[in-house]
């Protein structure tokens, strides 16, 4: 499942730089996560880095984008091919 940032975000700027896929950007009111780029850090880290650094715990799973671990691995592989 991709992650999403909810409206309790305080725009502290700590999540965006730790995202290895550059899936996080500043939205109109608070940060947002592009579900097409979010792999929950699969392929990079054991745990999603944005969740690890978030001081207000505002990054839950996005129920609108359910994905298995295997699907996240495939997305990671596709993103790495694009990066080459």
C-alpha atoms as a PDB file:
ATOM      1  CA  UNK A   1       0.000   0.000   0.000  1.00  0.00           C
ATOM      2  CA  UNK A   2       1.249   3.448  -0.760  1.00  0.00           C
ATOM      3  CA  UNK A   3       1.426   5.930   2.081  1.00  0.00           C
ATOM      4  CA  UNK A   4      -0.351   9.264   2.347  1.00  0.00           C
ATOM      5  CA  UNK A   5       0.107  12.376   4.422  1.00  0.00           C
ATOM      6  CA  UNK A   6      -3.001  13.532   6.271  1.00  0.00           C
ATOM      7  CA  UNK A   7      -4.115  16.989   7.331  1.00  0.00           C
ATOM      8  CA  UNK A   8      -2.440  16.817  10.741  1.00  0.00           C
ATOM      9  CA  UNK A   9       0.858  17.454   8.904  1.00  0.00           C
ATOM     10  CA  UNK A  10       2.678  20.447  10.383  1.00  0.00           C
ATOM     11  CA  UNK A  11       4.880  21.049   7.299  1.00  0.00           C
ATOM     12  CA  UNK A  12       8.039  20.466   9.308  1.00  0.00           C
ATOM     13  CA  UNK A  13       9.986  19.568   6.126  1.00  0.00           C
ATOM     14  CA  UNK A  14      11.603  16.394   7.505  1.00  0.00           C
ATOM     15  CA  UNK A  15       9.855  13.815   5.315  1.00  0.00           C
ATOM     16  CA  UNK A  16      10.574  15.181   1.858  1.00  0.00           C
ATOM     17  CA  UNK A  17      14.386  14.916   1.902  1.00  0.00           C
ATOM     18  CA  UNK A  18      14.412  11.345   3.277  1.00  0.00           C
ATOM     19  CA  UNK A  19      12.224   9.891   0.514  1.00  0.00           C
ATOM     20  CA  UNK A  20      14.499   7.840  -1.771  1.00  0.00           C
ATOM     21  CA  UNK A  21      11.967   7.901  -4.631  1.00  0.00           C
ATOM     22  CA  UNK A  22      11.222  11.625  -4.471  1.00  0.00           C
ATOM     23  CA  UNK A  23       7.559  10.749  -3.963  1.00  0.00           C
ATOM     24  CA  UNK A  24       6.967  13.553  -1.438  1.00  0.00           C
ATOM     25  CA  UNK A  25       6.338  17.152  -2.450  1.00  0.00           C
ATOM     26  CA  UNK A  26       4.735  20.215  -0.930  1.00  0.00           C
ATOM     27  CA  UNK A  27       1.050  20.429  -1.808  1.00  0.00           C
ATOM     28  CA  UNK A  28      -1.277  23.395  -1.496  1.00  0.00           C
ATOM     29  CA  UNK A  29      -1.723  23.045   2.262  1.00  0.00           C
ATOM     30  CA  UNK A  30       0.691  20.326   3.390  1.00  0.00           C
ATOM     31  CA  UNK A  31       3.051  17.709   2.000  1.00  0.00           C
ATOM     32  CA  UNK A  32       1.683  14.990  -0.243  1.00  0.00           C
ATOM     33  CA  UNK A  33       2.879  11.605  -1.483  1.00  0.00           C
ATOM     34  CA  UNK A  34       2.648  10.538  -5.134  1.00  0.00           C
ATOM     35  CA  UNK A  35       1.301   6.961  -4.954  1.00  0.00           C
ATOM     36  CA  UNK A  36       2.910   6.164  -8.320  1.00  0.00           C
ATOM     37  CA  UNK A  37       6.347   6.809  -6.783  1.00  0.00           C
ATOM     38  CA  UNK A  38       5.814   5.540  -3.237  1.00  0.00           C
ATOM     39  CA  UNK A  39       7.206   2.067  -2.554  1.00  0.00           C
ATOM     40  CA  UNK A  40       7.133   2.455   1.242  1.00  0.00           C
ATOM     41  CA  UNK A  41      10.927   2.436   0.856  1.00  0.00           C
ATOM     42  CA  UNK A  42      10.857  -1.199  -0.350  1.00  0.00           C
ATOM     43  CA  UNK A  43      14.158  -1.747  -2.127  1.00  0.00           C
ATOM     44  CA  UNK A  44      15.854   0.968  -0.111  1.00  0.00           C
ATOM     45  CA  UNK A  45      15.113   0.507   3.605  1.00  0.00           C
ATOM     46  CA  UNK A  46      13.369  -1.887   5.985  1.00  0.00           C
ATOM     47  CA  UNK A  47      10.892   0.794   7.116  1.00  0.00           C
ATOM     48  CA  UNK A  48       9.375   3.827   5.358  1.00  0.00           C
ATOM     49  CA  UNK A  49      11.737   6.662   6.158  1.00  0.00           C
ATOM     50  CA  UNK A  50       9.050   9.348   6.141  1.00  0.00           C
ATOM     51  CA  UNK A  51       7.133   7.464   8.841  1.00  0.00           C
ATOM     52  CA  UNK A  52      10.326   7.048  10.868  1.00  0.00           C
ATOM     53  CA  UNK A  53      11.086  10.799  10.939  1.00  0.00           C
ATOM     54  CA  UNK A  54       7.555  12.227  11.171  1.00  0.00           C
ATOM     55  CA  UNK A  55       7.142  13.931  14.564  1.00  0.00           C
ATOM     56  CA  UNK A  56       3.315  13.978  14.442  1.00  0.00           C
ATOM     57  CA  UNK A  57       2.607  10.517  13.004  1.00  0.00           C
ATOM     58  CA  UNK A  58       0.561  11.819  10.083  1.00  0.00           C
ATOM     59  CA  UNK A  59       1.623   9.248   7.441  1.00  0.00           C
ATOM     60  CA  UNK A  60      -0.693   6.218   7.399  1.00  0.00           C
ATOM     61  CA  UNK A  61      -1.217   3.668   4.653  1.00  0.00           C
ATOM     62  CA  UNK A  62      -3.444   4.898   1.834  1.00  0.00           C
ATOM     63  CA  UNK A  63      -6.442   2.544   1.576  1.00  0.00           C
ATOM     64  CA  UNK A  64      -7.143   3.895  -1.912  1.00  0.00           C
ATOM     65  CA  UNK A  65      -3.834   2.406  -3.147  1.00  0.00           C
ATOM     66  CA  UNK A  66      -3.575  -1.140  -1.763  1.00  0.00           C
ATOM     67  CA  UNK A  67      -0.376  -2.938  -2.780  1.00  0.00           C
ATOM     68  CA  UNK A  68       1.328  -6.109  -1.627  1.00  0.00           C
ATOM     69  CA  UNK A  69       5.000  -6.254  -0.740  1.00  0.00           C
ATOM     70  CA  UNK A  70       5.594  -7.995  -4.080  1.00  0.00           C
ATOM     71  CA  UNK A  71       3.813  -5.209  -5.976  1.00  0.00           C
ATOM     72  CA  UNK A  72       5.923  -2.624  -4.153  1.00  0.00           C
ATOM     73  CA  UNK A  73       9.067  -4.539  -5.156  1.00  0.00           C
ATOM     74  CA  UNK A  74       7.950  -4.527  -8.795  1.00  0.00           C
ATOM     75  CA  UNK A  75       7.232  -0.785  -8.617  1.00  0.00           C
ATOM     76  CA  UNK A  76      10.693  -0.229  -7.112  1.00  0.00           C
ATOM     77  CA  UNK A  77      12.307  -2.227  -9.947  1.00  0.00           C
ATOM     78  CA  UNK A  78      10.380  -0.241 -12.573  1.00  0.00           C
ATOM     79  CA  UNK A  79      11.397   3.072 -10.969  1.00  0.00           C
ATOM     80  CA  UNK A  80      15.045   2.004 -10.936  1.00  0.00           C
ATOM     81  CA  UNK A  81      14.884   1.095 -14.645  1.00  0.00           C
ATOM     82  CA  UNK A  82      13.488   4.571 -15.414  1.00  0.00           C
ATOM     83  CA  UNK A  83      16.276   6.178 -13.393  1.00  0.00           C
ATOM     84  CA  UNK A  84      18.992   4.512 -15.524  1.00  0.00           C
END
